[in-house]
Amino acid sequence: IVAALVLVFIMVVGNIAIPFFGFFVFIICA
């Protein structure tokens, strides 16, 4: 659970840094 939360946090931060990355973040998080 902790590892998954860290990965989701990294994805969200990556989404902020790289525009148009949101759809991939959503699919990967799901």
PDB file of all heavy atoms in Angstrom:
ATOM      1  N   ILE A   1       0.835  -1.205   0.000  1.00  0.00           N
ATOM      2  CA  ILE A   1       0.000   0.000   0.000  1.00  0.00           C
ATOM      3  C   ILE A   1       0.869   1.254   0.000  1.00  0.00           C
ATOM      4  O   ILE A   1       0.621   2.193  -0.764  1.00  0.00           O
ATOM      5  CB  ILE A   1      -0.976  -0.020   1.198  1.00  0.00           C
ATOM      6  CG1 ILE A   1      -2.016  -1.119   0.991  1.00  0.00           C
ATOM      7  CG2 ILE A   1      -1.645   1.338   1.386  1.00  0.00           C
ATOM      8  CD1 ILE A   1      -2.894  -1.392   2.191  1.00  0.00           C
ATOM      9  N   VAL A   2       1.908   1.261   0.837  1.00  0.00           N
ATOM     10  CA  VAL A   2       2.808   2.418   0.883  1.00  0.00           C
ATOM     11  C   VAL A   2       3.508   2.607  -0.466  1.00  0.00           C
ATOM     12  O   VAL A   2       3.594   3.730  -0.985  1.00  0.00           O
ATOM     13  CB  VAL A   2       3.831   2.276   2.042  1.00  0.00           C
ATOM     14  CG1 VAL A   2       4.931   3.317   1.937  1.00  0.00           C
ATOM     15  CG2 VAL A   2       3.122   2.372   3.381  1.00  0.00           C
ATOM     16  N   ALA A   3       3.980   1.520  -1.056  1.00  0.00           N
ATOM     17  CA  ALA A   3       4.648   1.616  -2.361  1.00  0.00           C
ATOM     18  C   ALA A   3       3.689   2.142  -3.428  1.00  0.00           C
ATOM     19  O   ALA A   3       4.079   2.971  -4.257  1.00  0.00           O
ATOM     20  CB  ALA A   3       5.214   0.254  -2.763  1.00  0.00           C
ATOM     21  N   ALA A   4       2.447   1.682  -3.400  1.00  0.00           N
ATOM     22  CA  ALA A   4       1.455   2.160  -4.376  1.00  0.00           C
ATOM     23  C   ALA A   4       1.180   3.647  -4.184  1.00  0.00           C
ATOM     24  O   ALA A   4       1.086   4.395  -5.159  1.00  0.00           O
ATOM     25  CB  ALA A   4       0.172   1.354  -4.250  1.00  0.00           C
ATOM     26  N   LEU A   5       1.051   4.076  -2.936  1.00  0.00           N
ATOM     27  CA  LEU A   5       0.821   5.499  -2.663  1.00  0.00           C
ATOM     28  C   LEU A   5       2.001   6.362  -3.133  1.00  0.00           C
ATOM     29  O   LEU A   5       1.793   7.444  -3.696  1.00  0.00           O
ATOM     30  CB  LEU A   5       0.549   5.726  -1.177  1.00  0.00           C
ATOM     31  CG  LEU A   5      -0.800   5.226  -0.663  1.00  0.00           C
ATOM     32  CD1 LEU A   5      -0.884   5.369   0.850  1.00  0.00           C
ATOM     33  CD2 LEU A   5      -1.942   5.949  -1.337  1.00  0.00           C
ATOM     34  N   VAL A   6       3.217   5.873  -2.915  1.00  0.00           N
ATOM     35  CA  VAL A   6       4.404   6.614  -3.374  1.00  0.00           C
ATOM     36  C   VAL A   6       4.401   6.713  -4.901  1.00  0.00           C
ATOM     37  O   VAL A   6       4.671   7.771  -5.464  1.00  0.00           O
ATOM     38  CB  VAL A   6       5.701   5.948  -2.846  1.00  0.00           C
ATOM     39  CG1 VAL A   6       6.935   6.491  -3.543  1.00  0.00           C
ATOM     40  CG2 VAL A   6       5.811   6.137  -1.341  1.00  0.00           C
ATOM     41  N   LEU A   7       4.080   5.615  -5.582  1.00  0.00           N
ATOM     42  CA  LEU A   7       4.035   5.646  -7.042  1.00  0.00           C
ATOM     43  C   LEU A   7       2.946   6.587  -7.566  1.00  0.00           C
ATOM     44  O   LEU A   7       3.167   7.324  -8.527  1.00  0.00           O
ATOM     45  CB  LEU A   7       3.819   4.244  -7.598  1.00  0.00           C
ATOM     46  CG  LEU A   7       5.045   3.334  -7.585  1.00  0.00           C
ATOM     47  CD1 LEU A   7       4.660   1.920  -7.986  1.00  0.00           C
ATOM     48  CD2 LEU A   7       6.123   3.870  -8.494  1.00  0.00           C
ATOM     49  N   VAL A   8       1.795   6.581  -6.914  1.00  0.00           N
ATOM     50  CA  VAL A   8       0.720   7.494  -7.325  1.00  0.00           C
ATOM     51  C   VAL A   8       1.168   8.939  -7.111  1.00  0.00           C
ATOM     52  O   VAL A   8       0.953   9.800  -7.976  1.00  0.00           O
ATOM     53  CB  VAL A   8      -0.592   7.187  -6.557  1.00  0.00           C
ATOM     54  CG1 VAL A   8      -1.598   8.311  -6.719  1.00  0.00           C
ATOM     55  CG2 VAL A   8      -1.174   5.869  -7.019  1.00  0.00           C
ATOM     56  N   PHE A   9       1.810   9.223  -5.988  1.00  0.00           N
ATOM     57  CA  PHE A   9       2.318  10.576  -5.723  1.00  0.00           C
ATOM     58  C   PHE A   9       3.324  11.004  -6.791  1.00  0.00           C
ATOM     59  O   PHE A   9       3.253  12.123  -7.312  1.00  0.00           O
ATOM     60  CB  PHE A   9       2.952  10.645  -4.329  1.00  0.00           C
ATOM     61  CG  PHE A   9       3.536  11.983  -4.004  1.00  0.00           C
ATOM     62  CD1 PHE A   9       2.715  13.053  -3.685  1.00  0.00           C
ATOM     63  CD2 PHE A   9       4.910  12.178  -4.037  1.00  0.00           C
ATOM     64  CE1 PHE A   9       3.249  14.292  -3.392  1.00  0.00           C
ATOM     65  CE2 PHE A   9       5.457  13.413  -3.748  1.00  0.00           C
ATOM     66  CZ  PHE A   9       4.632  14.483  -3.421  1.00  0.00           C
ATOM     67  N   ILE A  10       4.231  10.100  -7.141  1.00  0.00           N
ATOM     68  CA  ILE A  10       5.229  10.409  -8.176  1.00  0.00           C
ATOM     69  C   ILE A  10       4.532  10.673  -9.515  1.00  0.00           C
ATOM     70  O   ILE A  10       4.907  11.590 -10.249  1.00  0.00           O
ATOM     71  CB  ILE A  10       6.267   9.274  -8.297  1.00  0.00           C
ATOM     72  CG1 ILE A  10       7.150   9.260  -7.045  1.00  0.00           C
ATOM     73  CG2 ILE A  10       7.107   9.417  -9.553  1.00  0.00           C
ATOM     74  CD1 ILE A  10       8.057   8.055  -6.944  1.00  0.00           C
ATOM     75  N   MET A  11       3.510   9.893  -9.820  1.00  0.00           N
ATOM     76  CA  MET A  11       2.769  10.093 -11.072  1.00  0.00           C
ATOM     77  C   MET A  11       2.075  11.459 -11.093  1.00  0.00           C
ATOM     78  O   MET A  11       2.083  12.149 -12.105  1.00  0.00           O
ATOM     79  CB  MET A  11       1.720   8.999 -11.259  1.00  0.00           C
ATOM     80  CG  MET A  11       2.293   7.645 -11.435  1.00  0.00           C
ATOM     81  SD  MET A  11       2.866   7.466 -13.104  1.00  0.00           S
ATOM     82  CE  MET A  11       3.041   5.729 -13.161  1.00  0.00           C
ATOM     83  N   VAL A  12       1.462  11.822  -9.987  1.00  0.00           N
ATOM     84  CA  VAL A  12       0.759  13.107  -9.914  1.00  0.00           C
ATOM     85  C   VAL A  12       1.750  14.258 -10.051  1.00  0.00           C
ATOM     86  O   VAL A  12       1.506  15.223 -10.788  1.00  0.00           O
ATOM     87  CB  VAL A  12      -0.061  13.213  -8.606  1.00  0.00           C
ATOM     88  CG1 VAL A  12      -0.581  14.628  -8.391  1.00  0.00           C
ATOM     89  CG2 VAL A  12      -1.201  12.211  -8.627  1.00  0.00           C
ATOM     90  N   VAL A  13       2.892  14.165  -9.377  1.00  0.00           N
ATOM     91  CA  VAL A  13       3.923  15.196  -9.504  1.00  0.00           C
ATOM     92  C   VAL A  13       4.447  15.227 -10.941  1.00  0.00           C
ATOM     93  O   VAL A  13       4.667  16.301 -11.507  1.00  0.00           O
ATOM     94  CB  VAL A  13       5.066  14.960  -8.491  1.00  0.00           C
ATOM     95  CG1 VAL A  13       6.244  15.873  -8.767  1.00  0.00           C
ATOM     96  CG2 VAL A  13       4.559  15.174  -7.073  1.00  0.00           C
ATOM     97  N   GLY A  14       4.620  14.072 -11.545  1.00  0.00           N
ATOM     98  CA  GLY A  14       5.062  13.997 -12.940  1.00  0.00           C
ATOM     99  C   GLY A  14       4.043  14.612 -13.880  1.00  0.00           C
ATOM    100  O   GLY A  14       4.396  15.222 -14.889  1.00  0.00           O
ATOM    101  N   ASN A  15       2.778  14.468 -13.555  1.00  0.00           N
ATOM    102  CA  ASN A  15       1.710  15.054 -14.369  1.00  0.00           C
ATOM    103  C   ASN A  15       1.770  16.583 -14.340  1.00  0.00           C
ATOM    104  O   ASN A  15       1.514  17.230 -15.339  1.00  0.00           O
ATOM    105  CB  ASN A  15       0.354  14.556 -13.875  1.00  0.00           C
ATOM    106  CG  ASN A  15      -0.787  15.042 -14.732  1.00  0.00           C
ATOM    107  OD1 ASN A  15      -0.636  15.147 -15.948  1.00  0.00           O
ATOM    108  ND2 ASN A  15      -1.912  15.328 -14.106  1.00  0.00           N
ATOM    109  N   ILE A  16       2.111  17.127 -13.193  1.00  0.00           N
ATOM    110  CA  ILE A  16       2.239  18.580 -13.072  1.00  0.00           C
ATOM    111  C   ILE A  16       3.435  19.071 -13.884  1.00  0.00           C
ATOM    112  O   ILE A  16       3.373  20.100 -14.550  1.00  0.00           O
ATOM    113  CB  ILE A  16       2.357  18.996 -11.592  1.00  0.00           C
ATOM    114  CG1 ILE A  16       1.041  18.690 -10.873  1.00  0.00           C
ATOM    115  CG2 ILE A  16       2.696  20.477 -11.456  1.00  0.00           C
ATOM    116  CD1 ILE A  16       1.107  18.818  -9.367  1.00  0.00           C
ATOM    117  N   ALA A  17       4.526  18.319 -13.842  1.00  0.00           N
ATOM    118  CA  ALA A  17       5.761  18.725 -14.535  1.00  0.00           C
ATOM    119  C   ALA A  17       5.657  18.542 -16.048  1.00  0.00           C
ATOM    120  O   ALA A  17       6.249  19.310 -16.804  1.00  0.00           O
ATOM    121  CB  ALA A  17       6.946  17.937 -13.996  1.00  0.00           C
ATOM    122  N   ILE A  18       4.945  17.535 -16.499  1.00  0.00           N
ATOM    123  CA  ILE A  18       4.849  17.246 -17.931  1.00  0.00           C
ATOM    124  C   ILE A  18       3.393  17.379 -18.356  1.00  0.00           C
ATOM    125  O   ILE A  18       2.553  16.549 -17.997  1.00  0.00           O
ATOM    126  CB  ILE A  18       5.360  15.816 -18.244  1.00  0.00           C
ATOM    127  CG1 ILE A  18       6.784  15.632 -17.746  1.00  0.00           C
ATOM    128  CG2 ILE A  18       5.254  15.531 -19.738  1.00  0.00           C
ATOM    129  CD1 ILE A  18       7.255  14.194 -17.796  1.00  0.00           C
ATOM    130  N   PRO A  19       3.064  18.413 -19.132  1.00  0.00           N
ATOM    131  CA  PRO A  19       1.679  18.579 -19.572  1.00  0.00           C
ATOM    132  C   PRO A  19       1.234  17.419 -20.487  1.00  0.00           C
ATOM    133  O   PRO A  19       2.050  16.748 -21.093  1.00  0.00           O
ATOM    134  CB  PRO A  19       1.703  19.890 -20.344  1.00  0.00           C
ATOM    135  CG  PRO A  19       3.037  20.488 -20.151  1.00  0.00           C
ATOM    136  CD  PRO A  19       3.943  19.457 -19.584  1.00  0.00           C
ATOM    137  N   PHE A  20      -0.051  17.207 -20.573  1.00  0.00           N
ATOM    138  CA  PHE A  20      -0.674  16.169 -21.416  1.00  0.00           C
ATOM    139  C   PHE A  20      -0.288  14.744 -20.989  1.00  0.00           C
ATOM    140  O   PHE A  20      -0.359  13.823 -21.773  1.00  0.00           O
ATOM    141  CB  PHE A  20      -0.338  16.374 -22.902  1.00  0.00           C
ATOM    142  CG  PHE A  20      -0.633  17.752 -23.385  1.00  0.00           C
ATOM    143  CD1 PHE A  20       0.395  18.615 -23.724  1.00  0.00           C
ATOM    144  CD2 PHE A  20      -1.945  18.207 -23.474  1.00  0.00           C
ATOM    145  CE1 PHE A  20       0.123  19.888 -24.162  1.00  0.00           C
ATOM    146  CE2 PHE A  20      -2.219  19.486 -23.906  1.00  0.00           C
ATOM    147  CZ  PHE A  20      -1.189  20.349 -24.250  1.00  0.00           C
ATOM    148  N   PHE A  21       0.140  14.585 -19.757  1.00  0.00           N
ATOM    149  CA  PHE A  21       0.529  13.288 -19.235  1.00  0.00           C
ATOM    150  C   PHE A  21      -0.606  12.705 -18.377  1.00  0.00           C
ATOM    151  O   PHE A  21      -0.543  11.575 -17.950  1.00  0.00           O
ATOM    152  CB  PHE A  21       1.818  13.460 -18.405  1.00  0.00           C
ATOM    153  CG  PHE A  21       2.487  12.190 -18.004  1.00  0.00           C
ATOM    154  CD1 PHE A  21       2.901  11.253 -18.935  1.00  0.00           C
ATOM    155  CD2 PHE A  21       2.716  11.922 -16.659  1.00  0.00           C
ATOM    156  CE1 PHE A  21       3.527  10.089 -18.544  1.00  0.00           C
ATOM    157  CE2 PHE A  21       3.342  10.754 -16.269  1.00  0.00           C
ATOM    158  CZ  PHE A  21       3.748   9.836 -17.202  1.00  0.00           C
ATOM    159  N   GLY A  22      -1.664  13.493 -18.168  1.00  0.00           N
ATOM    160  CA  GLY A  22      -2.749  13.150 -17.257  1.00  0.00           C
ATOM    161  C   GLY A  22      -3.479  11.866 -17.585  1.00  0.00           C
ATOM    162  O   GLY A  22      -3.779  11.071 -16.700  1.00  0.00           O
ATOM    163  N   PHE A  23      -3.785  11.630 -18.860  1.00  0.00           N
ATOM    164  CA  PHE A  23      -4.506  10.414 -19.232  1.00  0.00           C
ATOM    165  C   PHE A  23      -3.689   9.167 -18.891  1.00  0.00           C
ATOM    166  O   PHE A  23      -4.224   8.199 -18.364  1.00  0.00           O
ATOM    167  CB  PHE A  23      -4.856  10.441 -20.721  1.00  0.00           C
ATOM    168  CG  PHE A  23      -5.596   9.217 -21.157  1.00  0.00           C
ATOM    169  CD1 PHE A  23      -6.911   9.007 -20.760  1.00  0.00           C
ATOM    170  CD2 PHE A  23      -4.984   8.255 -21.944  1.00  0.00           C
ATOM    171  CE1 PHE A  23      -7.600   7.873 -21.150  1.00  0.00           C
ATOM    172  CE2 PHE A  23      -5.667   7.116 -22.330  1.00  0.00           C
ATOM    173  CZ  PHE A  23      -6.982   6.931 -21.930  1.00  0.00           C
ATOM    174  N   PHE A  24      -2.394   9.203 -19.159  1.00  0.00           N
ATOM    175  CA  PHE A  24      -1.532   8.058 -18.854  1.00  0.00           C
ATOM    176  C   PHE A  24      -1.441   7.841 -17.346  1.00  0.00           C
ATOM    177  O   PHE A  24      -1.422   6.703 -16.879  1.00  0.00           O
ATOM    178  CB  PHE A  24      -0.144   8.248 -19.461  1.00  0.00           C
ATOM    179  CG  PHE A  24      -0.151   8.247 -20.957  1.00  0.00           C
ATOM    180  CD1 PHE A  24       0.135   9.397 -21.661  1.00  0.00           C
ATOM    181  CD2 PHE A  24      -0.469   7.104 -21.662  1.00  0.00           C
ATOM    182  CE1 PHE A  24       0.111   9.410 -23.038  1.00  0.00           C
ATOM    183  CE2 PHE A  24      -0.491   7.095 -23.043  1.00  0.00           C
ATOM    184  CZ  PHE A  24      -0.201   8.258 -23.733  1.00  0.00           C
ATOM    185  N   VAL A  25      -1.375   8.928 -16.589  1.00  0.00           N
ATOM    186  CA  VAL A  25      -1.335   8.822 -15.127  1.00  0.00           C
ATOM    187  C   VAL A  25      -2.606   8.145 -14.630  1.00  0.00           C
ATOM    188  O   VAL A  25      -2.560   7.246 -13.779  1.00  0.00           O
ATOM    189  CB  VAL A  25      -1.155  10.219 -14.473  1.00  0.00           C
ATOM    190  CG1 VAL A  25      -1.384  10.144 -12.970  1.00  0.00           C
ATOM    191  CG2 VAL A  25       0.220  10.764 -14.780  1.00  0.00           C
ATOM    192  N   PHE A  26      -3.752   8.543 -15.169  1.00  0.00           N
ATOM    193  CA  PHE A  26      -5.026   7.940 -14.759  1.00  0.00           C
ATOM    194  C   PHE A  26      -5.037   6.434 -15.055  1.00  0.00           C
ATOM    195  O   PHE A  26      -5.403   5.629 -14.202  1.00  0.00           O
ATOM    196  CB  PHE A  26      -6.196   8.627 -15.466  1.00  0.00           C
ATOM    197  CG  PHE A  26      -7.511   7.976 -15.176  1.00  0.00           C
ATOM    198  CD1 PHE A  26      -8.133   8.148 -13.952  1.00  0.00           C
ATOM    199  CD2 PHE A  26      -8.115   7.163 -16.135  1.00  0.00           C
ATOM    200  CE1 PHE A  26      -9.343   7.528 -13.685  1.00  0.00           C
ATOM    201  CE2 PHE A  26      -9.322   6.543 -15.870  1.00  0.00           C
ATOM    202  CZ  PHE A  26      -9.939   6.729 -14.639  1.00  0.00           C
ATOM    203  N   ILE A  27      -4.643   6.041 -16.247  1.00  0.00           N
ATOM    204  CA  ILE A  27      -4.635   4.615 -16.641  1.00  0.00           C
ATOM    205  C   ILE A  27      -3.658   3.828 -15.762  1.00  0.00           C
ATOM    206  O   ILE A  27      -3.986   2.739 -15.274  1.00  0.00           O
ATOM    207  CB  ILE A  27      -4.266   4.464 -18.138  1.00  0.00           C
ATOM    208  CG1 ILE A  27      -5.315   5.116 -19.027  1.00  0.00           C
ATOM    209  CG2 ILE A  27      -4.041   3.006 -18.508  1.00  0.00           C
ATOM    210  CD1 ILE A  27      -6.675   4.467 -18.952  1.00  0.00           C
ATOM    211  N   ILE A  28      -2.467   4.366 -15.562  1.00  0.00           N
ATOM    212  CA  ILE A  28      -1.462   3.673 -14.745  1.00  0.00           C
ATOM    213  C   ILE A  28      -1.930   3.559 -13.303  1.00  0.00           C
ATOM    214  O   ILE A  28      -1.778   2.497 -12.678  1.00  0.00           O
ATOM    215  CB  ILE A  28      -0.097   4.385 -14.852  1.00  0.00           C
ATOM    216  CG1 ILE A  28       0.456   4.207 -16.268  1.00  0.00           C
ATOM    217  CG2 ILE A  28       0.880   3.838 -13.824  1.00  0.00           C
ATOM    218  CD1 ILE A  28       1.677   5.050 -16.564  1.00  0.00           C
ATOM    219  N   CYS A  29      -2.513   4.598 -12.743  1.00  0.00           N
ATOM    220  CA  CYS A  29      -3.015   4.548 -11.365  1.00  0.00           C
ATOM    221  C   CYS A  29      -4.154   3.542 -11.223  1.00  0.00           C
ATOM    222  O   CYS A  29      -4.212   2.796 -10.240  1.00  0.00           O
ATOM    223  CB  CYS A  29      -3.465   5.937 -10.909  1.00  0.00           C
ATOM    224  SG  CYS A  29      -2.101   7.070 -10.610  1.00  0.00           S
ATOM    225  N   ALA A  30      -5.054   3.497 -12.190  1.00  0.00           N
ATOM    226  CA  ALA A  30      -6.150   2.524 -12.149  1.00  0.00           C
ATOM    227  C   ALA A  30      -5.597   1.098 -12.198  1.00  0.00           C
ATOM    228  O   ALA A  30      -6.036   0.220 -11.445  1.00  0.00           O
ATOM    229  CB  ALA A  30      -7.115   2.768 -13.297  1.00  0.00           C
TER     230      ALA A  30
END
